[in-house]
Structure formats: structure tokens, C-alpha cells
PDB file of all heavy atoms in Angstrom:
ATOM      1  N   ALA A   1       8.664  -3.254  -2.029  1.00  0.00           N
ATOM      2  CA  ALA A   1       7.223  -3.555  -1.675  1.00  0.00           C
ATOM      3  C   ALA A   1       6.437  -2.595  -2.325  1.00  0.00           C
ATOM      4  O   ALA A   1       6.597  -1.432  -2.224  1.00  0.00           O
ATOM      5  CB  ALA A   1       7.009  -3.582  -0.081  1.00  0.00           C
ATOM      6  N   VAL A   2       5.398  -3.092  -3.090  1.00  0.00           N
ATOM      7  CA  VAL A   2       4.528  -2.118  -3.816  1.00  0.00           C
ATOM      8  C   VAL A   2       3.057  -2.330  -3.227  1.00  0.00           C
ATOM      9  O   VAL A   2       2.445  -3.441  -3.065  1.00  0.00           O
ATOM     10  CB  VAL A   2       4.416  -2.667  -5.325  1.00  0.00           C
ATOM     11  CG1 VAL A   2       3.416  -1.758  -6.062  1.00  0.00           C
ATOM     12  CG2 VAL A   2       5.797  -2.574  -5.934  1.00  0.00           C
ATOM     13  N   PRO A   3       2.524  -1.184  -2.690  1.00  0.00           N
ATOM     14  CA  PRO A   3       1.214  -1.211  -2.130  1.00  0.00           C
ATOM     15  C   PRO A   3       0.053  -1.167  -3.137  1.00  0.00           C
ATOM     16  O   PRO A   3       0.252  -0.615  -4.282  1.00  0.00           O
ATOM     17  CB  PRO A   3       1.225   0.226  -1.260  1.00  0.00           C
ATOM     18  CG  PRO A   3       2.066   1.098  -2.142  1.00  0.00           C
ATOM     19  CD  PRO A   3       3.185   0.260  -2.612  1.00  0.00           C
ATOM     20  N   LYS A   4      -1.108  -1.731  -2.829  1.00  0.00           N
ATOM     21  CA  LYS A   4      -2.227  -1.630  -3.572  1.00  0.00           C
ATOM     22  C   LYS A   4      -2.734  -0.271  -3.740  1.00  0.00           C
ATOM     23  O   LYS A   4      -2.881   0.473  -2.738  1.00  0.00           O
ATOM     24  CB  LYS A   4      -3.346  -2.609  -3.096  1.00  0.00           C
ATOM     25  CG  LYS A   4      -4.456  -2.814  -3.905  1.00  0.00           C
ATOM     26  CD  LYS A   4      -5.501  -3.775  -3.490  1.00  0.00           C
ATOM     27  CE  LYS A   4      -6.561  -4.332  -4.315  1.00  0.00           C
ATOM     28  NZ  LYS A   4      -7.317  -5.440  -3.804  1.00  0.00           N
ATOM     29  N   SER A   5      -3.029   0.237  -4.986  1.00  0.00           N
ATOM     30  CA  SER A   5      -3.470   1.572  -5.242  1.00  0.00           C
ATOM     31  C   SER A   5      -5.035   1.763  -4.964  1.00  0.00           C
ATOM     32  O   SER A   5      -5.477   2.810  -4.365  1.00  0.00           O
ATOM     33  CB  SER A   5      -3.155   2.098  -6.611  1.00  0.00           C
ATOM     34  OG  SER A   5      -1.819   2.094  -6.760  1.00  0.00           O
ATOM     35  N   TYR A   6      -5.808   0.909  -5.469  1.00  0.00           N
ATOM     36  CA  TYR A   6      -7.273   0.938  -5.407  1.00  0.00           C
ATOM     37  C   TYR A   6      -7.789  -0.194  -4.541  1.00  0.00           C
ATOM     38  O   TYR A   6      -7.769  -1.294  -4.761  1.00  0.00           O
ATOM     39  CB  TYR A   6      -7.913   0.942  -6.813  1.00  0.00           C
ATOM     40  CG  TYR A   6      -7.432   2.099  -7.632  1.00  0.00           C
ATOM     41  CD1 TYR A   6      -6.246   1.891  -8.543  1.00  0.00           C
ATOM     42  CD2 TYR A   6      -7.995   3.400  -7.544  1.00  0.00           C
ATOM     43  CE1 TYR A   6      -5.860   3.036  -9.226  1.00  0.00           C
ATOM     44  CE2 TYR A   6      -7.655   4.397  -8.252  1.00  0.00           C
ATOM     45  CZ  TYR A   6      -6.549   4.389  -9.115  1.00  0.00           C
ATOM     46  OH  TYR A   6      -6.020   5.475  -9.751  1.00  0.00           O
ATOM     47  N   LEU A   7      -8.579   0.295  -3.509  1.00  0.00           N
ATOM     48  CA  LEU A   7      -9.262  -0.711  -2.541  1.00  0.00           C
ATOM     49  C   LEU A   7     -10.688  -0.748  -2.873  1.00  0.00           C
ATOM     50  O   LEU A   7     -11.438   0.211  -2.574  1.00  0.00           O
ATOM     51  CB  LEU A   7      -8.900  -0.053  -1.154  1.00  0.00           C
ATOM     52  CG  LEU A   7      -7.530   0.122  -0.784  1.00  0.00           C
ATOM     53  CD1 LEU A   7      -7.314   0.720   0.627  1.00  0.00           C
ATOM     54  CD2 LEU A   7      -6.539  -1.146  -0.919  1.00  0.00           C
ATOM     55  N   PRO A   8     -11.192  -1.910  -3.284  1.00  0.00           N
ATOM     56  CA  PRO A   8     -12.539  -2.047  -3.460  1.00  0.00           C
ATOM     57  C   PRO A   8     -13.385  -1.998  -2.108  1.00  0.00           C
ATOM     58  O   PRO A   8     -12.987  -2.619  -1.278  1.00  0.00           O
ATOM     59  CB  PRO A   8     -12.706  -3.520  -4.170  1.00  0.00           C
ATOM     60  CG  PRO A   8     -11.522  -4.154  -3.686  1.00  0.00           C
ATOM     61  CD  PRO A   8     -10.386  -3.166  -3.546  1.00  0.00           C
ATOM     62  N   ASN A   9     -14.439  -1.332  -2.126  1.00  0.00           N
ATOM     63  CA  ASN A   9     -15.261  -1.367  -1.053  1.00  0.00           C
ATOM     64  C   ASN A   9     -16.809  -1.395  -1.358  1.00  0.00           C
ATOM     65  O   ASN A   9     -17.649  -0.632  -0.969  1.00  0.00           O
ATOM     66  CB  ASN A   9     -14.956  -0.041  -0.178  1.00  0.00           C
ATOM     67  CG  ASN A   9     -14.941  -0.246   1.229  1.00  0.00           C
ATOM     68  OD1 ASN A   9     -14.194  -1.073   1.781  1.00  0.00           O
ATOM     69  ND2 ASN A   9     -15.794   0.495   2.088  1.00  0.00           N
ATOM     70  N   TYR A  10     -17.031  -2.171  -2.289  1.00  0.00           N
ATOM     71  CA  TYR A  10     -18.399  -2.377  -2.836  1.00  0.00           C
ATOM     72  C   TYR A  10     -18.783  -3.749  -2.960  1.00  0.00           C
ATOM     73  O   TYR A  10     -18.004  -4.586  -2.794  1.00  0.00           O
ATOM     74  CB  TYR A  10     -18.552  -1.558  -4.126  1.00  0.00           C
ATOM     75  CG  TYR A  10     -17.556  -2.236  -5.275  1.00  0.00           C
ATOM     76  CD1 TYR A  10     -17.755  -3.339  -5.948  1.00  0.00           C
ATOM     77  CD2 TYR A  10     -16.297  -1.499  -5.334  1.00  0.00           C
ATOM     78  CE1 TYR A  10     -16.740  -3.753  -6.813  1.00  0.00           C
ATOM     79  CE2 TYR A  10     -15.385  -1.885  -6.273  1.00  0.00           C
ATOM     80  CZ  TYR A  10     -15.727  -3.096  -7.094  1.00  0.00           C
ATOM     81  OH  TYR A  10     -14.667  -3.461  -7.913  1.00  0.00           O
ATOM     82  N   ARG A  11     -20.082  -4.082  -2.998  1.00  0.00           N
ATOM     83  CA  ARG A  11     -20.555  -5.411  -2.967  1.00  0.00           C
ATOM     84  C   ARG A  11     -19.902  -6.343  -1.911  1.00  0.00           C
ATOM     85  O   ARG A  11     -19.917  -5.944  -0.704  1.00  0.00           O
ATOM     86  CB  ARG A  11     -20.423  -6.100  -4.408  1.00  0.00           C
ATOM     87  CG  ARG A  11     -21.333  -5.407  -5.437  1.00  0.00           C
ATOM     88  CD  ARG A  11     -21.561  -6.223  -6.619  1.00  0.00           C
ATOM     89  NE  ARG A  11     -20.335  -6.497  -7.435  1.00  0.00           N
ATOM     90  CZ  ARG A  11     -19.747  -5.850  -8.380  1.00  0.00           C
ATOM     91  NH1 ARG A  11     -20.341  -4.654  -8.639  1.00  0.00           N
ATOM     92  NH2 ARG A  11     -18.732  -6.257  -8.886  1.00  0.00           N
ATOM     93  N   GLU A  12     -19.216  -7.345  -2.252  1.00  0.00           N
ATOM     94  CA  GLU A  12     -18.606  -8.174  -1.212  1.00  0.00           C
ATOM     95  C   GLU A  12     -17.368  -7.643  -0.628  1.00  0.00           C
ATOM     96  O   GLU A  12     -16.770  -8.212   0.323  1.00  0.00           O
ATOM     97  CB  GLU A  12     -18.345  -9.520  -1.753  1.00  0.00           C
ATOM     98  CG  GLU A  12     -17.236  -9.612  -2.801  1.00  0.00           C
ATOM     99  CD  GLU A  12     -17.776  -9.619  -4.306  1.00  0.00           C
ATOM    100  OE1 GLU A  12     -18.775  -8.928  -4.435  1.00  0.00           O
ATOM    101  OE2 GLU A  12     -17.290 -10.320  -5.191  1.00  0.00           O
ATOM    102  N   PHE A  13     -16.742  -6.597  -1.162  1.00  0.00           N
ATOM    103  CA  PHE A  13     -15.555  -5.999  -0.751  1.00  0.00           C
ATOM    104  C   PHE A  13     -15.638  -5.013   0.423  1.00  0.00           C
ATOM    105  O   PHE A  13     -16.381  -4.157   0.449  1.00  0.00           O
ATOM    106  CB  PHE A  13     -14.695  -5.457  -1.862  1.00  0.00           C
ATOM    107  CG  PHE A  13     -14.556  -6.450  -3.033  1.00  0.00           C
ATOM    108  CD1 PHE A  13     -15.231  -6.388  -4.173  1.00  0.00           C
ATOM    109  CD2 PHE A  13     -13.651  -7.536  -2.854  1.00  0.00           C
ATOM    110  CE1 PHE A  13     -15.074  -7.376  -5.185  1.00  0.00           C
ATOM    111  CE2 PHE A  13     -13.412  -8.466  -3.855  1.00  0.00           C
ATOM    112  CZ  PHE A  13     -14.157  -8.323  -5.048  1.00  0.00           C
ATOM    113  N   TYR A  14     -14.481  -5.095   1.448  1.00  0.00           N
ATOM    114  CA  TYR A  14     -14.607  -4.127   2.371  1.00  0.00           C
ATOM    115  C   TYR A  14     -13.121  -3.752   2.818  1.00  0.00           C
ATOM    116  O   TYR A  14     -12.668  -3.636   4.089  1.00  0.00           O
ATOM    117  CB  TYR A  14     -15.234  -4.713   3.749  1.00  0.00           C
ATOM    118  CG  TYR A  14     -16.798  -4.850   3.568  1.00  0.00           C
ATOM    119  CD1 TYR A  14     -17.312  -6.099   3.266  1.00  0.00           C
ATOM    120  CD2 TYR A  14     -17.570  -3.876   3.976  1.00  0.00           C
ATOM    121  CE1 TYR A  14     -18.553  -6.282   3.099  1.00  0.00           C
ATOM    122  CE2 TYR A  14     -18.958  -4.067   3.746  1.00  0.00           C
ATOM    123  CZ  TYR A  14     -19.479  -5.172   3.377  1.00  0.00           C
ATOM    124  OH  TYR A  14     -20.813  -5.248   3.228  1.00  0.00           O
ATOM    125  N   GLU A  15     -12.377  -3.518   1.692  1.00  0.00           N
ATOM    126  CA  GLU A  15     -10.884  -3.298   2.041  1.00  0.00           C
ATOM    127  C   GLU A  15     -10.528  -2.165   2.718  1.00  0.00           C
ATOM    128  O   GLU A  15      -9.512  -2.011   3.459  1.00  0.00           O
ATOM    129  CB  GLU A  15     -10.065  -3.435   0.704  1.00  0.00           C
ATOM    130  CG  GLU A  15     -10.034  -4.948   0.249  1.00  0.00           C
ATOM    131  CD  GLU A  15      -9.004  -5.149  -0.975  1.00  0.00           C
ATOM    132  OE1 GLU A  15      -7.926  -4.440  -0.924  1.00  0.00           O
ATOM    133  OE2 GLU A  15      -9.195  -6.019  -1.781  1.00  0.00           O
ATOM    134  N   LYS A  16     -11.301  -1.066   2.491  1.00  0.00           N
ATOM    135  CA  LYS A  16     -11.068   0.178   3.091  1.00  0.00           C
ATOM    136  C   LYS A  16     -11.201   0.214   4.675  1.00  0.00           C
ATOM    137  O   LYS A  16     -10.793   1.050   5.358  1.00  0.00           O
ATOM    138  CB  LYS A  16     -11.953   1.392   2.562  1.00  0.00           C
ATOM    139  CG  LYS A  16     -11.537   1.665   1.114  1.00  0.00           C
ATOM    140  CD  LYS A  16     -12.403   2.806   0.618  1.00  0.00           C
ATOM    141  CE  LYS A  16     -11.955   3.115  -0.864  1.00  0.00           C
ATOM    142  NZ  LYS A  16     -12.836   4.360  -1.512  1.00  0.00           N
ATOM    143  N   ARG A  17     -11.896  -0.835   5.132  1.00  0.00           N
ATOM    144  CA  ARG A  17     -12.020  -1.100   6.493  1.00  0.00           C
ATOM    145  C   ARG A  17     -10.674  -1.386   7.165  1.00  0.00           C
ATOM    146  O   ARG A  17     -10.444  -1.052   8.345  1.00  0.00           O
ATOM    147  CB  ARG A  17     -13.001  -2.290   6.789  1.00  0.00           C
ATOM    148  CG  ARG A  17     -13.342  -2.562   8.199  1.00  0.00           C
ATOM    149  CD  ARG A  17     -14.341  -3.631   8.467  1.00  0.00           C
ATOM    150  NE  ARG A  17     -14.511  -4.189   9.766  1.00  0.00           N
ATOM    151  CZ  ARG A  17     -15.482  -3.652  10.560  1.00  0.00           C
ATOM    152  NH1 ARG A  17     -16.351  -2.818  10.120  1.00  0.00           N
ATOM    153  NH2 ARG A  17     -15.608  -4.211  11.857  1.00  0.00           N
ATOM    154  N   HIS A  18      -9.828  -2.026   6.399  1.00  0.00           N
ATOM    155  CA  HIS A  18      -8.450  -2.463   6.919  1.00  0.00           C
ATOM    156  C   HIS A  18      -7.355  -1.842   6.372  1.00  0.00           C
ATOM    157  O   HIS A  18      -6.276  -1.667   7.108  1.00  0.00           O
ATOM    158  CB  HIS A  18      -8.463  -4.009   6.625  1.00  0.00           C
ATOM    159  CG  HIS A  18      -9.690  -4.811   6.917  1.00  0.00           C
ATOM    160  ND1 HIS A  18     -10.461  -5.443   6.131  1.00  0.00           N
ATOM    161  CD2 HIS A  18     -10.173  -4.902   8.131  1.00  0.00           C
ATOM    162  CE1 HIS A  18     -11.408  -5.975   6.703  1.00  0.00           C
ATOM    163  NE2 HIS A  18     -11.316  -5.846   8.002  1.00  0.00           N
ATOM    164  N   PHE A  19      -7.390  -1.338   5.159  1.00  0.00           N
ATOM    165  CA  PHE A  19      -6.082  -0.839   4.480  1.00  0.00           C
ATOM    166  C   PHE A  19      -6.073   0.523   4.163  1.00  0.00           C
ATOM    167  O   PHE A  19      -7.267   1.182   3.830  1.00  0.00           O
ATOM    168  CB  PHE A  19      -5.794  -1.650   3.223  1.00  0.00           C
ATOM    169  CG  PHE A  19      -5.576  -3.125   3.293  1.00  0.00           C
ATOM    170  CD1 PHE A  19      -6.595  -4.146   3.076  1.00  0.00           C
ATOM    171  CD2 PHE A  19      -4.405  -3.582   4.018  1.00  0.00           C
ATOM    172  CE1 PHE A  19      -6.201  -5.538   3.232  1.00  0.00           C
ATOM    173  CE2 PHE A  19      -4.089  -4.832   4.187  1.00  0.00           C
ATOM    174  CZ  PHE A  19      -5.106  -5.869   3.787  1.00  0.00           C
ATOM    175  N   ALA A  20      -4.936   1.143   4.049  1.00  0.00           N
ATOM    176  CA  ALA A  20      -4.871   2.487   3.424  1.00  0.00           C
ATOM    177  C   ALA A  20      -4.341   2.268   2.028  1.00  0.00           C
ATOM    178  O   ALA A  20      -3.693   1.290   1.680  1.00  0.00           O
ATOM    179  CB  ALA A  20      -3.756   3.270   4.100  1.00  0.00           C
ATOM    180  N   HIS A  21      -4.733   3.098   1.084  1.00  0.00           N
ATOM    181  CA  HIS A  21      -4.416   2.957  -0.259  1.00  0.00           C
ATOM    182  C   HIS A  21      -3.002   3.521  -0.516  1.00  0.00           C
ATOM    183  O   HIS A  21      -2.502   4.342   0.284  1.00  0.00           O
ATOM    184  CB  HIS A  21      -5.440   3.815  -1.274  1.00  0.00           C
ATOM    185  CG  HIS A  21      -5.288   5.237  -1.197  1.00  0.00           C
ATOM    186  ND1 HIS A  21      -4.325   5.879  -1.792  1.00  0.00           N
ATOM    187  CD2 HIS A  21      -6.160   6.136  -0.587  1.00  0.00           C
ATOM    188  CE1 HIS A  21      -4.472   7.221  -1.625  1.00  0.00           C
ATOM    189  NE2 HIS A  21      -5.603   7.474  -0.798  1.00  0.00           N
ATOM    190  N   GLY A  22      -2.407   3.097  -1.596  1.00  0.00           N
ATOM    191  CA  GLY A  22      -0.910   3.430  -1.847  1.00  0.00           C
ATOM    192  C   GLY A  22      -0.766   4.366  -3.035  1.00  0.00           C
ATOM    193  O   GLY A  22       0.221   4.566  -3.533  1.00  0.00           O
ATOM    194  N   ARG A  23      -1.794   4.947  -3.525  1.00  0.00           N
ATOM    195  CA  ARG A  23      -1.787   5.806  -4.710  1.00  0.00           C
ATOM    196  C   ARG A  23      -0.639   6.911  -4.689  1.00  0.00           C
ATOM    197  O   ARG A  23      -0.080   7.145  -5.564  1.00  0.00           O
ATOM    198  CB  ARG A  23      -3.131   6.334  -4.942  1.00  0.00           C
ATOM    199  CG  ARG A  23      -4.136   5.325  -5.430  1.00  0.00           C
ATOM    200  CD  ARG A  23      -5.358   6.022  -6.019  1.00  0.00           C
ATOM    201  NE  ARG A  23      -6.067   6.866  -5.180  1.00  0.00           N
ATOM    202  CZ  ARG A  23      -7.062   6.531  -4.383  1.00  0.00           C
ATOM    203  NH1 ARG A  23      -7.239   5.259  -4.288  1.00  0.00           N
ATOM    204  NH2 ARG A  23      -7.607   7.340  -3.600  1.00  0.00           N
ATOM    205  N   ASN A  24      -0.561   7.521  -3.526  1.00  0.00           N
ATOM    206  CA  ASN A  24       0.368   8.663  -3.376  1.00  0.00           C
ATOM    207  C   ASN A  24       1.634   8.253  -2.645  1.00  0.00           C
ATOM    208  O   ASN A  24       2.433   9.140  -2.279  1.00  0.00           O
ATOM    209  CB  ASN A  24      -0.232   9.760  -2.577  1.00  0.00           C
ATOM    210  CG  ASN A  24      -1.487  10.307  -3.163  1.00  0.00           C
ATOM    211  OD1 ASN A  24      -1.636  10.399  -4.462  1.00  0.00           O
ATOM    212  ND2 ASN A  24      -2.549  10.542  -2.488  1.00  0.00           N
ATOM    213  N   CYS A  25       2.004   6.955  -2.662  1.00  0.00           N
ATOM    214  CA  CYS A  25       3.156   6.452  -1.979  1.00  0.00           C
ATOM    215  C   CYS A  25       4.345   6.348  -3.061  1.00  0.00           C
ATOM    216  O   CYS A  25       4.270   5.329  -3.806  1.00  0.00           O
ATOM    217  CB  CYS A  25       3.000   5.077  -1.344  1.00  0.00           C
ATOM    218  SG  CYS A  25       1.951   5.153   0.023  1.00  0.00           S
ATOM    219  N   GLN A  26       5.099   7.327  -3.147  1.00  0.00           N
ATOM    220  CA  GLN A  26       6.248   7.359  -4.055  1.00  0.00           C
ATOM    221  C   GLN A  26       7.418   7.877  -3.279  1.00  0.00           C
ATOM    222  O   GLN A  26       7.476   8.614  -2.312  1.00  0.00           O
ATOM    223  CB  GLN A  26       5.942   8.379  -5.254  1.00  0.00           C
ATOM    224  CG  GLN A  26       5.054   7.770  -6.194  1.00  0.00           C
ATOM    225  CD  GLN A  26       3.646   8.258  -6.178  1.00  0.00           C
ATOM    226  OE1 GLN A  26       3.450   9.474  -5.666  1.00  0.00           O
ATOM    227  NE2 GLN A  26       2.596   7.420  -6.361  1.00  0.00           N
ATOM    228  N   ASP A  27       8.604   7.358  -3.704  1.00  0.00           N
ATOM    229  CA  ASP A  27       9.828   7.683  -3.174  1.00  0.00           C
ATOM    230  C   ASP A  27       9.932   7.461  -1.711  1.00  0.00           C
ATOM    231  O   ASP A  27      10.629   8.203  -1.043  1.00  0.00           O
ATOM    232  CB  ASP A  27      10.274   9.148  -3.456  1.00  0.00           C
ATOM    233  CG  ASP A  27      11.696   9.472  -3.436  1.00  0.00           C
ATOM    234  OD1 ASP A  27      12.460   8.479  -3.469  1.00  0.00           O
ATOM    235  OD2 ASP A  27      11.972  10.618  -3.294  1.00  0.00           O
ATOM    236  N   LEU A  28       9.329   6.282  -1.230  1.00  0.00           N
ATOM    237  CA  LEU A  28       9.229   5.985   0.252  1.00  0.00           C
ATOM    238  C   LEU A  28      10.099   4.627   0.399  1.00  0.00           C
ATOM    239  O   LEU A  28      10.368   3.922  -0.412  1.00  0.00           O
ATOM    240  CB  LEU A  28       7.882   5.947   0.607  1.00  0.00           C
ATOM    241  CG  LEU A  28       7.025   7.143   0.608  1.00  0.00           C
ATOM    242  CD1 LEU A  28       5.478   6.781   0.956  1.00  0.00           C
ATOM    243  CD2 LEU A  28       7.386   8.386   1.321  1.00  0.00           C
ATOM    244  N   TRP A  29      10.302   4.510   1.773  1.00  0.00           N
ATOM    245  CA  TRP A  29      10.849   3.212   2.142  1.00  0.00           C
ATOM    246  C   TRP A  29      10.023   2.643   3.303  1.00  0.00           C
ATOM    247  O   TRP A  29       9.170   3.357   3.908  1.00  0.00           O
ATOM    248  CB  TRP A  29      12.331   3.535   2.773  1.00  0.00           C
ATOM    249  CG  TRP A  29      13.233   3.866   1.554  1.00  0.00           C
ATOM    250  CD1 TRP A  29      13.309   5.124   1.024  1.00  0.00           C
ATOM    251  CD2 TRP A  29      14.222   3.166   0.975  1.00  0.00           C
ATOM    252  NE1 TRP A  29      14.245   5.159  -0.011  1.00  0.00           N
ATOM    253  CE2 TRP A  29      14.881   3.949  -0.043  1.00  0.00           C
ATOM    254  CE3 TRP A  29      14.696   1.957   1.208  1.00  0.00           C
ATOM    255  CZ2 TRP A  29      15.957   3.627  -0.781  1.00  0.00           C
ATOM    256  CZ3 TRP A  29      15.861   1.455   0.389  1.00  0.00           C
ATOM    257  CH2 TRP A  29      16.458   2.257  -0.476  1.00  0.00           C
ATOM    258  N   ILE A  30      10.069   1.367   3.483  1.00  0.00           N
ATOM    259  CA  ILE A  30       9.317   0.682   4.501  1.00  0.00           C
ATOM    260  C   ILE A  30      10.159  -0.239   5.393  1.00  0.00           C
ATOM    261  O   ILE A  30      10.998  -1.005   4.693  1.00  0.00           O
ATOM    262  CB  ILE A  30       8.084   0.072   4.041  1.00  0.00           C
ATOM    263  CG1 ILE A  30       7.100  -0.417   5.090  1.00  0.00           C
ATOM    264  CG2 ILE A  30       8.460  -1.274   3.129  1.00  0.00           C
ATOM    265  CD1 ILE A  30       5.816  -0.942   4.588  1.00  0.00           C
ATOM    266  N   GLY A  31      10.027  -0.332   6.622  1.00  0.00           N
ATOM    267  CA  GLY A  31      10.699  -1.299   7.378  1.00  0.00           C
ATOM    268  C   GLY A  31      10.101  -2.670   7.378  1.00  0.00           C
ATOM    269  O   GLY A  31       8.950  -2.861   7.598  1.00  0.00           O
ATOM    270  N   VAL A  32      10.880  -3.709   6.927  1.00  0.00           N
ATOM    271  CA  VAL A  32      10.555  -5.099   6.985  1.00  0.00           C
ATOM    272  C   VAL A  32      11.501  -5.854   7.741  1.00  0.00           C
ATOM    273  O   VAL A  32      12.639  -6.064   7.411  1.00  0.00           O
ATOM    274  CB  VAL A  32      10.352  -5.575   5.444  1.00  0.00           C
ATOM    275  CG1 VAL A  32       9.933  -7.033   5.544  1.00  0.00           C
ATOM    276  CG2 VAL A  32       9.515  -4.685   4.726  1.00  0.00           C
ATOM    277  N   ASN A  33      11.030  -6.348   8.979  1.00  0.00           N
ATOM    278  CA  ASN A  33      11.882  -7.027   9.915  1.00  0.00           C
ATOM    279  C   ASN A  33      13.309  -6.222  10.164  1.00  0.00           C
ATOM    280  O   ASN A  33      14.367  -6.770  10.187  1.00  0.00           O
ATOM    281  CB  ASN A  33      12.281  -8.338   9.265  1.00  0.00           C
ATOM    282  CG  ASN A  33      11.133  -9.241   9.142  1.00  0.00           C
ATOM    283  OD1 ASN A  33      10.355  -9.607  10.100  1.00  0.00           O
ATOM    284  ND2 ASN A  33      10.811  -9.725   7.879  1.00  0.00           N
ATOM    285  N   GLY A  34      12.915  -4.928  10.415  1.00  0.00           N
ATOM    286  CA  GLY A  34      14.144  -4.145  10.867  1.00  0.00           C
ATOM    287  C   GLY A  34      14.957  -3.578   9.675  1.00  0.00           C
ATOM    288  O   GLY A  34      16.025  -2.975   9.913  1.00  0.00           O
ATOM    289  N   GLU A  35      14.672  -3.939   8.459  1.00  0.00           N
ATOM    290  CA  GLU A  35      15.533  -3.682   7.303  1.00  0.00           C
ATOM    291  C   GLU A  35      14.628  -2.703   6.473  1.00  0.00           C
ATOM    292  O   GLU A  35      13.507  -2.886   6.127  1.00  0.00           O
ATOM    293  CB  GLU A  35      15.876  -4.757   6.482  1.00  0.00           C
ATOM    294  CG  GLU A  35      16.939  -4.462   5.389  1.00  0.00           C
ATOM    295  CD  GLU A  35      17.363  -5.703   4.730  1.00  0.00           C
ATOM    296  OE1 GLU A  35      17.508  -6.684   5.369  1.00  0.00           O
ATOM    297  OE2 GLU A  35      17.862  -5.528   3.610  1.00  0.00           O
ATOM    298  N   GLU A  36      15.236  -1.480   6.001  1.00  0.00           N
ATOM    299  CA  GLU A  36      14.429  -0.565   5.166  1.00  0.00           C
ATOM    300  C   GLU A  36      14.653  -1.047   3.591  1.00  0.00           C
ATOM    301  O   GLU A  36      15.637  -1.240   3.173  1.00  0.00           O
ATOM    302  CB  GLU A  36      15.032   0.892   5.408  1.00  0.00           C
ATOM    303  CG  GLU A  36      14.815   1.438   6.747  1.00  0.00           C
ATOM    304  CD  GLU A  36      13.262   1.738   7.027  1.00  0.00           C
ATOM    305  OE1 GLU A  36      12.630   2.491   6.040  1.00  0.00           O
ATOM    306  OE2 GLU A  36      12.728   1.375   7.940  1.00  0.00           O
ATOM    307  N   VAL A  37      13.475  -1.036   3.060  1.00  0.00           N
ATOM    308  CA  VAL A  37      13.402  -1.441   1.599  1.00  0.00           C
ATOM    309  C   VAL A  37      12.538  -0.457   0.849  1.00  0.00           C
ATOM    310  O   VAL A  37      11.632   0.143   1.367  1.00  0.00           O
ATOM    311  CB  VAL A  37      12.864  -2.890   1.410  1.00  0.00           C
ATOM    312  CG1 VAL A  37      13.710  -4.029   2.165  1.00  0.00           C
ATOM    313  CG2 VAL A  37      11.409  -2.978   1.724  1.00  0.00           C
ATOM    314  N   PRO A  38      12.796  -0.262  -0.536  1.00  0.00           N
ATOM    315  CA  PRO A  38      11.946   0.692  -1.287  1.00  0.00           C
ATOM    316  C   PRO A  38      10.539   0.187  -1.190  1.00  0.00           C
ATOM    317  O   PRO A  38      10.101  -0.982  -1.309  1.00  0.00           O
ATOM    318  CB  PRO A  38      12.487   0.450  -2.673  1.00  0.00           C
ATOM    319  CG  PRO A  38      13.897  -0.184  -2.459  1.00  0.00           C
ATOM    320  CD  PRO A  38      13.840  -1.053  -1.224  1.00  0.00           C
ATOM    321  N   PHE A  39       9.686   1.240  -1.112  1.00  0.00           N
ATOM    322  CA  PHE A  39       8.204   1.103  -0.963  1.00  0.00           C
ATOM    323  C   PHE A  39       7.560   2.130  -1.847  1.00  0.00           C
ATOM    324  O   PHE A  39       7.923   3.358  -1.776  1.00  0.00           O
ATOM    325  CB  PHE A  39       7.804   1.304   0.461  1.00  0.00           C
ATOM    326  CG  PHE A  39       6.376   1.331   0.896  1.00  0.00           C
ATOM    327  CD1 PHE A  39       5.589   0.254   0.875  1.00  0.00           C
ATOM    328  CD2 PHE A  39       5.794   2.578   1.205  1.00  0.00           C
ATOM    329  CE1 PHE A  39       4.243   0.186   1.036  1.00  0.00           C
ATOM    330  CE2 PHE A  39       4.397   2.468   1.473  1.00  0.00           C
ATOM    331  CZ  PHE A  39       3.604   1.421   1.366  1.00  0.00           C
ATOM    332  N   GLY A  40       6.560   1.816  -2.485  1.00  0.00           N
ATOM    333  CA  GLY A  40       5.721   2.783  -3.373  1.00  0.00           C
ATOM    334  C   GLY A  40       5.291   2.052  -4.552  1.00  0.00           C
ATOM    335  O   GLY A  40       5.678   1.030  -4.932  1.00  0.00           O
ATOM    336  N   THR A  41       4.423   2.946  -5.271  1.00  0.00           N
ATOM    337  CA  THR A  41       3.921   2.669  -6.532  1.00  0.00           C
ATOM    338  C   THR A  41       4.825   3.015  -7.675  1.00  0.00           C
ATOM    339  O   THR A  41       4.372   2.895  -8.901  1.00  0.00           O
ATOM    340  CB  THR A  41       2.471   3.149  -6.734  1.00  0.00           C
ATOM    341  OG1 THR A  41       2.550   4.481  -6.522  1.00  0.00           O
ATOM    342  CG2 THR A  41       1.484   2.609  -5.720  1.00  0.00           C
ATOM    343  N   ASP A  42       5.806   3.643  -7.285  1.00  0.00           N
ATOM    344  CA  ASP A  42       6.889   4.115  -8.326  1.00  0.00           C
ATOM    345  C   ASP A  42       8.022   3.181  -8.474  1.00  0.00           C
ATOM    346  O   ASP A  42       9.141   3.647  -8.782  1.00  0.00           O
ATOM    347  CB  ASP A  42       7.315   5.562  -7.984  1.00  0.00           C
ATOM    348  CG  ASP A  42       7.964   5.527  -6.621  1.00  0.00           C
ATOM    349  OD1 ASP A  42       7.862   4.575  -5.824  1.00  0.00           O
ATOM    350  OD2 ASP A  42       8.813   6.555  -6.290  1.00  0.00           O
ATOM    351  N   LEU A  43       7.817   1.851  -8.406  1.00  0.00           N
ATOM    352  CA  LEU A  43       8.958   0.921  -8.382  1.00  0.00           C
ATOM    353  C   LEU A  43       8.788   0.045  -9.686  1.00  0.00           C
ATOM    354  O   LEU A  43       7.726  -0.389 -10.000  1.00  0.00           O
ATOM    355  CB  LEU A  43       8.884   0.052  -7.220  1.00  0.00           C
ATOM    356  CG  LEU A  43       9.142   0.669  -5.860  1.00  0.00           C
ATOM    357  CD1 LEU A  43       9.201  -0.431  -4.776  1.00  0.00           C
ATOM    358  CD2 LEU A  43      10.588   1.358  -5.759  1.00  0.00           C
TER     359      LEU A  43
END
């Protein structure tokens, strides 16, 4: 899973209201339905 790095929060966009950015997410894992899978922008 690759997270979005840049969250628009201008004009019609309000993504920072809901999401955390993934810019510094490297060498991480994430649980998806109880299974750990590679997670980050370094994939």
C-alpha cells in the first residue's frame, strides 16, 4: 500500500481535514484485514 504524499487543501479540496500525509512513511508495514503488508512511499 502506497500512501498519498501531498494532500490538497485549497479551493475545492479539504483532504487535510481527513488524511495524514505519507511523505515520511518509509520502511513501514500496515495491517490490512489482520495481515501485515509493506506500506510507504518507498515501494
